[in-house]
């Protein structure tokens, strides 16, 4: 039956509205009551669980003492509950006790310590205690070092066993994680402490390079006697770790040229830690003049060179060495009759190394890198990619150097996808806006500092420099952050757009820069 509401009496409509309103209020109160009841039930359940764990711990302590291994499980359960309830201080206290008992039971380098240390890392991140995070990550690396020494299989002949490589890779991942956190500390600590953290990270990356070089050099010694597929897998695992040292050289140069006191303190650390570091501060072909006083050498720079240009040369040599290793491996593959798919992947990896080699030429101000970019293009085409795909990649400028080594064309494109703006750049801090914040691979440990996102609009010259920079007002209310981004844009180096084998000037580009707000 159809009802015409216009013909219904007003009194009836009024009563109907009151009835509906009354019923809606009843529904609301019922839902609220149910919500409160469920919250209370959940809270009571959590409190009950806490009481059970506390009772269990007290009973075990009474019977077996405060350091018995039977306490490990209830301590871990209670710490997890406290963490979930947001009582991070209580969780950290319980985990420290759990760590002590685990050490007493199994030793100081036993792998069974790792889950406890990982839980402590997550808890200290939640507490924003960055020094404790670094300390526990240092402990984590020491455990891996001990485990590596124990797990390393006996090396027979020229064979690199899977167990041996797995142990090496676990150690490498632990060291890389620790290095990333030390770099993150640069943004979170005063200048002098920050420089110390950076050089600690630098030493770790040196160790990673040595560890990686040992594996790669052993592959070279096989002289075609190994399995090409296994060799390629090992190369793609370890070359990105070797690249970290090249990027670290670039990061050092950024500190040498930064403001806010970084430059002086960095030079001071270089002299004390690396001895003849002053020789790398000047341009190649220039000798320093003698002076009296404690510093017997004065670095001389060519116009436009940054302080520490010699470290950029070291970064270039590191990338060139990867180019050489991949070239030799490709030759061995071809001689061994490797499949077309395997050869194609190696050609893409070699192309990537040549792209990075060209990038470091640009960073040194020692060439345009165009020869390396052309060679990379030919290798990508030889790997089976179409001219449209390859030329589309080179037609888009890119901020360099890459923070991570990519060895396939898909990874290269993913680092610089098509879009209105170039990929967002997350700066380490407003004091070091040209340095990227480290990428902590494990999401469980990732931190998200409060950021301001500022958009810069600019042209890219044929030399890869940003010109005509304009900062959008939206998101740039803080004048200090706006100035930091503007300075960074003038110092950034881009790989310019390339078309038909020549660099091209591009207009109307944009880049979003995320700067942490740490006040």
Protein backbone atom coordinates (compact mmCIF):
# COMPACT_ATOMS: atom_id res chain seq x y z
CA UNK A 1 0.00 0.00 0.00
CA UNK A 2 1.33 3.42 -0.92
CA UNK A 3 1.08 6.23 1.66
CA UNK A 4 0.91 9.89 0.61
CA UNK A 5 2.81 11.70 3.36
CA UNK A 6 1.36 15.02 2.26
CA UNK A 7 -2.13 13.83 3.21
CA UNK A 8 -1.10 12.50 6.68
CA UNK A 9 -2.15 14.63 9.62
CA UNK A 10 0.64 16.68 11.29
CA UNK A 11 -0.12 15.15 14.71
CA UNK A 12 0.52 11.68 13.35
CA UNK A 13 3.80 12.77 11.75
CA UNK A 14 4.95 14.40 14.96
CA UNK A 15 4.24 11.27 16.98
CA UNK A 16 6.04 9.17 14.37
CA UNK A 17 9.13 11.40 14.50
CA UNK A 18 9.20 11.25 18.31
CA UNK A 19 8.88 7.47 18.21
CA UNK A 20 11.73 7.13 15.65
CA UNK A 21 13.90 9.56 17.63
CA UNK A 22 13.24 7.62 20.85
CA UNK A 23 14.13 4.33 19.21
CA UNK A 24 17.32 5.79 17.70
CA UNK A 25 18.40 7.01 21.13
CA UNK A 26 17.75 3.55 22.56
CA UNK A 27 19.89 2.00 19.80
CA UNK A 28 22.68 4.50 20.47
CA UNK A 29 22.69 3.83 24.22
CA UNK A 30 22.57 0.07 23.62
CA UNK A 31 25.58 0.27 21.28
CA UNK A 32 27.45 2.50 23.74
CA UNK A 33 26.71 0.07 26.54
CA UNK A 34 27.89 -2.84 24.43
CA UNK A 35 31.09 -0.96 23.53
CA UNK A 36 31.82 -0.05 27.14
CA UNK A 37 31.08 -3.60 28.22
CA UNK A 38 33.41 -5.09 25.59
CA UNK A 39 36.15 -2.57 26.51
CA UNK A 40 35.74 -3.41 30.18
CA UNK A 41 35.83 -7.12 29.39
CA UNK A 42 39.01 -6.67 27.33
CA UNK A 43 40.60 -4.59 30.07
CA UNK A 44 39.65 -7.10 32.72
CA UNK A 45 41.01 -9.92 30.58
CA UNK A 46 44.33 -8.08 30.13
CA UNK A 47 44.57 -7.39 33.85
CA UNK A 48 43.77 -11.03 34.53
CA UNK A 49 46.54 -12.12 32.14
CA UNK A 50 49.00 -9.77 33.83
CA UNK A 51 48.05 -11.19 37.24
CA UNK A 52 48.52 -14.74 35.97
CA UNK A 53 52.01 -13.95 34.59
CA UNK A 54 53.02 -12.10 37.78
CA UNK A 55 51.83 -15.02 39.91
CA UNK A 56 53.66 -17.51 37.74
CA UNK A 57 56.89 -15.46 37.89
CA UNK A 58 56.69 -15.11 41.69
CA UNK A 59 56.10 -18.85 42.13
CA UNK A 60 59.05 -19.76 39.91
CA UNK A 61 61.32 -17.24 41.65
CA UNK A 62 60.37 -18.68 45.03
CA UNK A 63 61.10 -22.25 43.97
CA UNK A 64 64.06 -21.92 41.60
CA UNK A 65 65.56 -18.47 42.21
CA UNK A 66 65.53 -15.16 40.26
CA UNK A 67 67.81 -16.32 37.39
CA UNK A 68 66.28 -19.66 36.45
CA UNK A 69 65.64 -20.27 32.75
CA UNK A 70 62.03 -21.29 33.51
CA UNK A 71 61.32 -17.59 33.99
CA UNK A 72 62.05 -16.77 30.35
CA UNK A 73 58.65 -17.68 28.92
CA UNK A 74 56.45 -15.84 31.46
CA UNK A 75 58.78 -12.79 31.34
CA UNK A 76 58.43 -12.69 27.55
CA UNK A 77 54.63 -13.00 27.77
CA UNK A 78 54.32 -10.28 30.41
CA UNK A 79 56.64 -7.95 28.45
CA UNK A 80 54.49 -8.41 25.33
CA UNK A 81 51.34 -7.58 27.30
CA UNK A 82 52.94 -4.45 28.77
CA UNK A 83 54.09 -3.37 25.32
CA UNK A 84 50.61 -3.83 23.84
CA UNK A 85 49.13 -1.76 26.69
CA UNK A 86 51.61 1.05 26.02
CA UNK A 87 53.63 0.63 29.21
CA UNK A 88 56.97 0.65 27.38
CA UNK A 89 59.03 1.37 30.50
CA UNK A 90 57.72 -1.76 32.23
CA UNK A 91 58.19 -3.79 29.05
CA UNK A 92 61.82 -2.64 28.74
CA UNK A 93 62.53 -3.56 32.37
CA UNK A 94 61.14 -7.07 31.87
CA UNK A 95 63.04 -7.55 28.62
CA UNK A 96 66.33 -6.48 30.17
CA UNK A 97 65.82 -9.10 32.87
CA UNK A 98 64.95 -11.67 30.21
CA UNK A 99 68.16 -10.76 28.35
CA UNK A 100 70.24 -11.22 31.50
CA UNK A 101 68.79 -14.66 32.21
CA UNK A 102 69.22 -15.74 28.57
CA UNK A 103 72.86 -14.66 28.68
CA UNK A 104 73.46 -16.51 31.93
CA UNK A 105 71.83 -19.64 30.49
CA UNK A 106 73.21 -19.79 26.94
CA UNK A 107 76.17 -17.40 26.77
CA UNK A 108 76.81 -13.91 25.43
CA UNK A 109 76.87 -14.75 21.70
CA UNK A 110 74.17 -17.39 21.41
CA UNK A 111 71.62 -16.77 18.61
CA UNK A 112 68.81 -17.35 21.14
CA UNK A 113 69.57 -13.85 22.43
CA UNK A 114 68.38 -12.29 19.16
CA UNK A 115 64.58 -12.38 19.73
CA UNK A 116 65.06 -10.65 23.09
CA UNK A 117 67.35 -8.00 21.59
CA UNK A 118 64.89 -7.45 18.72
CA UNK A 119 62.07 -6.92 21.22
CA UNK A 120 64.26 -4.43 23.13
CA UNK A 121 64.97 -2.53 19.90
CA UNK A 122 61.24 -2.19 19.17
CA UNK A 123 60.55 -1.13 22.75
CA UNK A 124 63.26 1.54 22.77
CA UNK A 125 61.96 2.88 19.46
CA UNK A 126 58.55 3.22 21.09
CA UNK A 127 60.23 5.09 23.97
CA UNK A 128 62.19 7.30 21.50
CA UNK A 129 65.43 6.45 23.30
CA UNK A 130 67.71 6.55 20.27
CA UNK A 131 70.94 5.93 22.16
CA UNK A 132 69.53 2.71 23.59
CA UNK A 133 68.40 1.71 20.10
CA UNK A 134 71.94 2.13 18.82
CA UNK A 135 73.38 0.24 21.81
CA UNK A 136 71.08 -2.75 21.31
CA UNK A 137 71.75 -2.80 17.58
CA UNK A 138 75.46 -2.86 18.39
CA UNK A 139 74.82 -5.84 20.66
CA UNK A 140 72.78 -7.45 17.88
CA UNK A 141 75.70 -7.15 15.48
CA UNK A 142 78.11 -8.61 18.03
CA UNK A 143 75.83 -11.64 18.44
CA UNK A 144 75.81 -12.12 14.66
CA UNK A 145 79.60 -11.80 14.55
CA UNK A 146 79.92 -14.56 17.15
CA UNK A 147 77.32 -16.68 15.37
CA UNK A 148 79.12 -16.19 12.06
CA UNK A 149 82.39 -17.43 13.55
CA UNK A 150 80.62 -20.52 14.93
CA UNK A 151 78.43 -21.29 11.91
CA UNK A 152 81.02 -20.66 9.21
CA UNK A 153 81.54 -23.95 7.45
CA UNK A 154 84.96 -25.31 6.61
CA UNK A 155 85.85 -24.00 3.15
CA UNK A 156 87.02 -26.84 0.99
CA UNK A 157 88.78 -25.89 -2.21
CA UNK A 158 87.04 -23.11 -4.13
CA UNK A 159 83.49 -23.93 -3.06
CA UNK A 160 81.45 -21.24 -1.29
CA UNK A 161 78.95 -23.33 0.66
CA UNK A 162 75.31 -22.23 1.05
CA UNK A 163 75.60 -22.44 4.85
CA UNK A 164 78.70 -20.25 4.78
CA UNK A 165 77.05 -17.66 2.55
CA UNK A 166 73.89 -17.68 4.67
CA UNK A 167 75.93 -16.97 7.81
CA UNK A 168 77.78 -14.17 6.01
CA UNK A 169 74.52 -12.65 4.79
CA UNK A 170 72.99 -12.71 8.29
CA UNK A 171 76.03 -10.86 9.58
CA UNK A 172 75.90 -8.39 6.69
CA UNK A 173 72.21 -7.63 7.26
CA UNK A 174 72.82 -7.03 10.96
CA UNK A 175 75.71 -4.67 10.21
CA UNK A 176 73.71 -2.82 7.55
CA UNK A 177 70.83 -2.32 9.98
CA UNK A 178 73.16 -0.98 12.64
CA UNK A 179 74.82 1.37 10.14
CA UNK A 180 71.45 2.75 9.08
CA UNK A 181 70.47 3.49 12.66
CA UNK A 182 73.78 5.22 13.35
CA UNK A 183 73.16 7.47 10.35
CA UNK A 184 69.64 8.16 11.63
CA UNK A 185 71.20 9.26 14.92
CA UNK A 186 73.04 12.01 13.04
CA UNK A 187 69.67 13.79 12.80
CA UNK A 188 68.78 13.19 16.43
CA UNK A 189 71.91 14.20 18.34
CA UNK A 190 74.09 17.33 18.81
CA UNK A 191 76.67 18.06 16.12
CA UNK A 192 79.76 16.53 17.72
CA UNK A 193 77.92 13.36 18.75
CA UNK A 194 76.31 13.21 15.30
CA UNK A 195 79.70 13.25 13.58
CA UNK A 196 80.88 10.43 15.86
CA UNK A 197 77.81 8.37 14.92
CA UNK A 198 78.44 8.98 11.23
CA UNK A 199 82.04 7.78 11.44
CA UNK A 200 80.94 4.72 13.40
CA UNK A 201 78.54 3.95 10.53
CA UNK A 202 81.36 4.56 8.07
CA UNK A 203 83.54 1.94 9.79
CA UNK A 204 80.67 -0.56 9.63
CA UNK A 205 80.23 0.08 5.90
CA UNK A 206 83.97 -0.47 5.42
CA UNK A 207 83.59 -3.84 7.12
CA UNK A 208 80.60 -4.65 4.89
CA UNK A 209 82.68 -3.81 1.85
CA UNK A 210 85.49 -6.12 2.98
CA UNK A 211 83.01 -8.92 3.68
CA UNK A 212 81.38 -8.45 0.26
CA UNK A 213 84.69 -8.18 -1.59
CA UNK A 214 85.83 -11.47 -0.07
CA UNK A 215 82.79 -13.26 -1.54
CA UNK A 216 83.01 -11.56 -4.94
CA UNK A 217 86.76 -12.15 -5.26
CA UNK A 218 86.27 -15.85 -4.53
CA UNK A 219 83.72 -15.97 -7.33
CA UNK A 220 86.33 -14.46 -9.65
CA UNK A 221 88.81 -17.16 -8.63
CA UNK A 222 86.40 -19.85 -9.84
CA UNK A 223 87.32 -18.92 -13.44
CA UNK A 224 84.17 -20.41 -14.91
CA UNK A 225 84.19 -23.60 -12.84
CA UNK A 226 81.11 -22.66 -10.83
CA UNK A 227 77.40 -22.60 -11.61
CA UNK A 228 76.62 -19.30 -13.46
CA UNK A 229 73.15 -19.08 -11.87
CA UNK A 230 74.60 -19.37 -8.37
CA UNK A 231 77.33 -16.85 -9.22
CA UNK A 232 74.75 -14.34 -10.46
CA UNK A 233 72.70 -14.78 -7.29
CA UNK A 234 75.74 -14.13 -5.11
CA UNK A 235 76.74 -11.10 -7.14
CA UNK A 236 73.29 -9.56 -6.85
CA UNK A 237 73.31 -10.22 -3.10
CA UNK A 238 76.72 -8.71 -2.38
CA UNK A 239 77.30 -5.93 -4.92
CA UNK A 240 74.57 -3.73 -3.34
CA UNK A 241 76.43 -4.04 -0.03
CA UNK A 242 79.66 -2.99 -1.72
CA UNK A 243 77.87 0.04 -3.19
CA UNK A 244 77.11 1.29 0.31
CA UNK A 245 80.73 2.40 0.60
CA UNK A 246 80.45 4.54 -2.55
CA UNK A 247 77.32 6.22 -1.23
CA UNK A 248 79.05 6.71 2.12
CA UNK A 249 81.80 8.68 0.35
CA UNK A 250 79.14 10.97 -1.10
CA UNK A 251 77.55 11.37 2.34
CA UNK A 252 80.93 12.31 3.83
CA UNK A 253 81.31 15.08 1.25
CA UNK A 254 77.88 16.42 2.18
CA UNK A 255 79.01 16.68 5.82
CA UNK A 256 82.25 18.38 4.77
CA UNK A 257 80.25 21.04 2.95
CA UNK A 258 77.34 21.37 5.37
CA UNK A 259 76.59 24.32 7.60
CA UNK A 260 75.74 24.33 11.34
CA UNK A 261 79.27 23.37 12.41
CA UNK A 262 79.35 20.02 10.60
CA UNK A 263 82.22 20.93 8.27
CA UNK A 264 84.77 21.83 10.97
CA UNK A 265 83.95 18.83 13.17
CA UNK A 266 84.02 16.45 10.19
CA UNK A 267 87.48 17.63 9.12
CA UNK A 268 88.64 17.25 12.73
CA UNK A 269 87.38 13.64 12.81
CA UNK A 270 88.99 12.91 9.44
CA UNK A 271 92.39 14.09 10.60
CA UNK A 272 92.16 12.10 13.84
CA UNK A 273 90.68 8.89 12.38
CA UNK A 274 92.05 8.70 8.86
CA UNK A 275 95.42 10.41 9.09
CA UNK A 276 96.23 11.81 5.65
CA UNK A 277 92.64 12.76 4.91
CA UNK A 278 93.62 16.31 3.92
CA UNK A 279 95.07 14.96 0.68
CA UNK A 280 91.54 14.02 -0.40
CA UNK A 281 90.01 17.40 0.36
CA UNK A 282 91.55 19.12 -2.65
CA UNK A 283 91.21 18.77 -6.39
CA UNK A 284 93.25 16.26 -8.41
CA UNK A 285 96.40 17.76 -9.88
CA UNK A 286 96.64 20.49 -7.25
CA UNK A 287 99.31 20.39 -4.56
CA UNK A 288 98.84 22.17 -1.29
CA UNK A 289 101.25 24.97 -0.41
CA UNK A 290 103.32 24.66 2.75
CA UNK A 291 102.42 26.78 5.72
CA UNK A 292 103.66 27.09 9.26
CA UNK A 293 101.57 25.86 12.14
CA UNK A 294 99.89 22.62 13.18
CA UNK A 295 98.27 22.05 9.76
CA UNK A 296 101.12 21.68 7.27
CA UNK A 297 98.85 21.35 4.23
CA UNK A 298 96.08 23.56 2.93
CA UNK A 299 93.64 22.00 0.45
CA UNK A 300 93.20 23.90 -2.82
CA UNK A 301 90.02 23.46 -4.85
CA UNK A 302 89.12 24.19 -8.42
CA UNK A 303 86.17 26.47 -8.88
CA UNK A 304 82.91 24.59 -8.32
CA UNK A 305 84.51 21.62 -6.56
CA UNK A 306 83.18 20.64 -3.14
CA UNK A 307 85.47 20.15 -0.17
CA UNK A 308 86.50 16.50 -0.18
CA UNK A 309 86.22 15.95 -3.92
CA UNK A 310 88.81 13.18 -3.50
CA UNK A 311 86.25 11.13 -1.59
CA UNK A 312 83.89 11.41 -4.54
CA UNK A 313 86.70 9.96 -6.66
CA UNK A 314 86.87 7.02 -4.24
CA UNK A 315 83.12 6.55 -4.66
CA UNK A 316 83.56 6.54 -8.43
CA UNK A 317 86.36 3.96 -8.23
CA UNK A 318 84.07 1.72 -6.17
CA UNK A 319 81.35 1.83 -8.82
CA UNK A 320 83.93 1.31 -11.57
CA UNK A 321 85.15 -1.83 -9.78
CA UNK A 322 81.59 -3.21 -9.83
CA UNK A 323 81.43 -2.42 -13.55
CA UNK A 324 84.64 -4.43 -14.06
CA UNK A 325 83.40 -7.41 -12.04
CA UNK A 326 80.10 -7.58 -13.94
CA UNK A 327 81.90 -7.25 -17.29
CA UNK A 328 84.15 -10.22 -16.40
CA UNK A 329 81.17 -12.24 -15.24
CA UNK A 330 79.29 -11.54 -18.49
CA UNK A 331 82.30 -12.75 -20.46
CA UNK A 332 82.41 -15.96 -18.42
CA UNK A 333 78.67 -16.46 -18.99
CA UNK A 334 79.02 -16.07 -22.75
CA UNK A 335 81.99 -18.45 -22.84
CA UNK A 336 80.07 -21.03 -20.80
CA UNK A 337 77.02 -20.84 -23.09
CA UNK A 338 74.62 -19.45 -20.48
CA UNK A 339 70.95 -19.12 -21.45
CA UNK A 340 69.62 -15.96 -23.10
CA UNK A 341 67.59 -15.10 -19.99
CA UNK A 342 70.65 -15.36 -17.73
CA UNK A 343 72.76 -13.23 -20.07
CA UNK A 344 69.95 -10.66 -20.33
CA UNK A 345 69.84 -10.22 -16.55
CA UNK A 346 73.60 -9.75 -16.37
CA UNK A 347 73.47 -7.16 -19.15
CA UNK A 348 70.86 -5.22 -17.19
CA UNK A 349 73.01 -5.37 -14.07
CA UNK A 350 76.05 -4.18 -16.04
CA UNK A 351 73.94 -1.37 -17.54
CA UNK A 352 72.94 -0.29 -14.05
CA UNK A 353 76.58 -0.17 -12.93
CA UNK A 354 77.42 2.01 -15.94
CA UNK A 355 74.55 4.37 -15.11
CA UNK A 356 75.87 4.77 -11.57
CA UNK A 357 79.37 5.20 -12.95
CA UNK A 358 78.12 8.08 -15.10
CA UNK A 359 76.35 9.54 -12.05
CA UNK A 360 79.58 9.65 -10.05
CA UNK A 361 81.33 11.31 -12.99
CA UNK A 362 78.75 14.08 -12.74
CA UNK A 363 79.08 14.33 -8.97
CA UNK A 364 82.85 14.85 -9.30
CA UNK A 365 82.32 17.53 -11.93
CA UNK A 366 84.68 15.49 -14.13
CA UNK A 367 82.50 14.87 -17.14
CA UNK A 368 78.90 14.54 -18.25
CA UNK A 369 78.70 10.75 -17.90
CA UNK A 370 77.14 10.64 -21.37
CA UNK A 371 79.46 7.88 -22.63
CA UNK A 372 78.49 5.62 -19.72
CA UNK A 373 74.79 6.40 -20.24
CA UNK A 374 75.07 5.51 -23.94
CA UNK A 375 76.80 2.22 -23.11
CA UNK A 376 74.06 1.46 -20.58
CA UNK A 377 71.39 2.11 -23.21
CA UNK A 378 73.02 -0.35 -25.64
CA UNK A 379 73.25 -3.02 -22.96
CA UNK A 380 69.59 -2.57 -22.02
CA UNK A 381 68.55 -2.89 -25.66
CA UNK A 382 70.74 -6.01 -26.01
CA UNK A 383 68.94 -7.50 -22.98
CA UNK A 384 65.71 -7.55 -24.99
CA UNK A 385 64.06 -4.29 -23.88
CA UNK A 386 62.39 -2.06 -26.46
CA UNK A 387 63.76 1.32 -27.49
CA UNK A 388 60.60 3.00 -26.20
CA UNK A 389 61.09 1.49 -22.72
CA UNK A 390 64.76 2.42 -22.51
CA UNK A 391 64.44 5.91 -24.00
CA UNK A 392 61.47 6.61 -21.74
CA UNK A 393 63.65 5.83 -18.72
CA UNK A 394 66.47 8.16 -19.81
CA UNK A 395 64.06 10.94 -20.83
CA UNK A 396 63.25 11.59 -17.16
CA UNK A 397 65.78 13.34 -14.88
CA UNK A 398 66.74 11.63 -11.62
CA UNK A 399 68.19 12.83 -8.34
CA UNK A 400 71.64 11.26 -7.85
CA UNK A 401 73.40 9.39 -6.41
CA UNK A 402 71.02 6.51 -5.80
CA UNK A 403 70.94 5.52 -2.14
CA UNK A 404 70.80 1.82 -3.07
CA UNK A 405 72.22 -0.20 -5.94
CA UNK A 406 69.58 -1.51 -8.34
CA UNK A 407 70.53 -4.28 -10.75
CA UNK A 408 67.45 -4.85 -12.93
CA UNK A 409 65.63 -2.50 -15.27
CA UNK A 410 62.39 -2.95 -13.34
CA UNK A 411 64.13 -1.82 -10.13
CA UNK A 412 65.69 1.15 -11.92
CA UNK A 413 62.28 2.26 -13.19
CA UNK A 414 60.67 1.72 -9.79
CA UNK A 415 63.19 4.13 -8.23
CA UNK A 416 62.11 6.87 -10.66
CA UNK A 417 58.55 6.17 -11.85
CA UNK A 418 56.53 8.45 -14.10
CA UNK A 419 54.46 11.02 -12.28
CA UNK A 420 53.68 14.68 -11.90
CA UNK A 421 56.76 15.14 -9.69
CA UNK A 422 60.01 13.28 -9.25
CA UNK A 423 59.99 10.73 -6.39
CA UNK A 424 59.65 12.30 -2.95
CA UNK A 425 62.97 12.88 -1.19
CA UNK A 426 63.05 12.42 2.60
CA UNK A 427 65.89 14.47 4.06
CA UNK A 428 67.91 13.30 7.05
CA UNK A 429 67.32 16.64 8.81
CA UNK A 430 67.00 20.36 8.10
CA UNK A 431 70.73 20.68 8.92
CA UNK A 432 71.58 17.98 6.36
CA UNK A 433 68.82 18.37 3.79
CA UNK A 434 70.94 16.99 0.90
CA UNK A 435 71.32 13.63 2.65
CA UNK A 436 68.56 11.05 2.43
CA UNK A 437 67.20 9.50 5.61
CA UNK A 438 68.32 5.86 5.80
CA UNK A 439 65.92 3.23 4.61
CA UNK A 440 65.42 0.82 7.53
CA UNK A 441 64.29 -2.26 5.66
CA UNK A 442 62.51 -3.96 8.56
CA UNK A 443 59.10 -2.31 8.96
CA UNK A 444 58.96 -3.51 12.56
CA UNK A 445 61.80 -1.09 13.36
CA UNK A 446 60.89 1.71 11.03
CA UNK A 447 60.33 5.12 12.59
CA UNK A 448 58.18 7.91 11.30
CA UNK A 449 59.37 11.28 12.49
CA UNK A 450 57.01 14.24 12.11
CA UNK A 451 57.71 15.85 8.74
CA UNK A 452 56.92 18.97 6.78
CA UNK A 453 56.47 18.28 3.06
CA UNK A 454 57.68 21.12 0.84
CA UNK A 455 57.34 21.20 -2.95
CA UNK A 456 60.04 22.82 -5.09
CA UNK A 457 59.48 23.73 -8.73
CA UNK A 458 62.46 24.19 -11.01
CA UNK A 459 64.17 23.60 -14.36
CA UNK A 460 66.93 21.01 -14.85
CA UNK A 461 69.93 22.18 -16.88
CA UNK A 462 71.89 20.01 -19.30
CA UNK A 463 74.50 19.63 -16.53
CA UNK A 464 71.86 18.32 -14.14
CA UNK A 465 71.57 21.36 -11.87
CA UNK A 466 68.30 22.85 -10.63
CA UNK A 467 67.71 26.41 -11.86
CA UNK A 468 64.92 28.92 -11.33
CA UNK A 469 63.91 27.22 -8.07
CA UNK A 470 60.59 28.28 -6.55
CA UNK A 471 59.22 26.95 -3.28
CA UNK A 472 55.45 26.39 -3.09
CA UNK A 473 53.83 28.18 -0.17
CA UNK A 474 51.68 25.19 0.77
CA UNK A 475 53.43 23.21 3.49
CA UNK A 476 56.30 25.71 3.70
CA UNK A 477 55.04 27.90 6.53
CA UNK A 478 58.25 27.41 8.54
CA UNK A 479 60.79 29.87 7.12
CA UNK A 480 63.75 27.83 8.42
CA UNK A 481 62.61 24.65 6.66
CA UNK A 482 61.86 26.62 3.52
CA UNK A 483 65.40 28.01 3.48
CA UNK A 484 66.84 24.53 4.10
CA UNK A 485 64.99 23.11 1.08
CA UNK A 486 65.97 26.06 -1.09
CA UNK A 487 69.66 25.57 -0.21
CA UNK A 488 69.39 21.83 -0.82
CA UNK A 489 67.89 22.36 -4.28
CA UNK A 490 70.92 24.44 -5.27
CA UNK A 491 73.26 21.67 -4.10
CA UNK A 492 71.35 18.68 -5.50
CA UNK A 493 72.78 16.94 -8.53
CA UNK A 494 70.41 15.42 -11.08
CA UNK A 495 71.06 13.05 -13.93
CA UNK A 496 69.77 15.19 -16.79
CA UNK A 497 67.22 14.03 -19.32
CA UNK A 498 68.84 12.27 -22.29
CA UNK A 499 67.36 12.03 -25.78
CA UNK A 500 69.11 10.74 -28.91
CA UNK A 501 72.33 10.39 -26.99
CA UNK A 502 72.43 14.01 -25.79
CA UNK A 503 71.52 15.71 -22.57
CA UNK A 504 68.44 17.91 -22.66
CA UNK A 505 67.26 20.91 -20.62
CA UNK A 506 63.86 20.32 -19.02
CA UNK A 507 61.48 22.92 -17.63
CA UNK A 508 58.68 22.82 -15.08
CA UNK A 509 59.91 19.94 -12.92
CA UNK A 510 58.89 19.45 -9.30
CA UNK A 511 60.24 17.60 -6.28
CA UNK A 512 58.60 17.08 -2.89
CA UNK A 513 61.11 17.24 -0.05
CA UNK A 514 60.10 15.87 3.35
CA UNK A 515 62.04 17.48 6.19
CA UNK A 516 61.81 16.15 9.79
CA UNK A 517 60.48 18.53 12.42
CA UNK A 518 62.58 17.67 15.47
CA UNK A 519 61.99 20.67 17.76
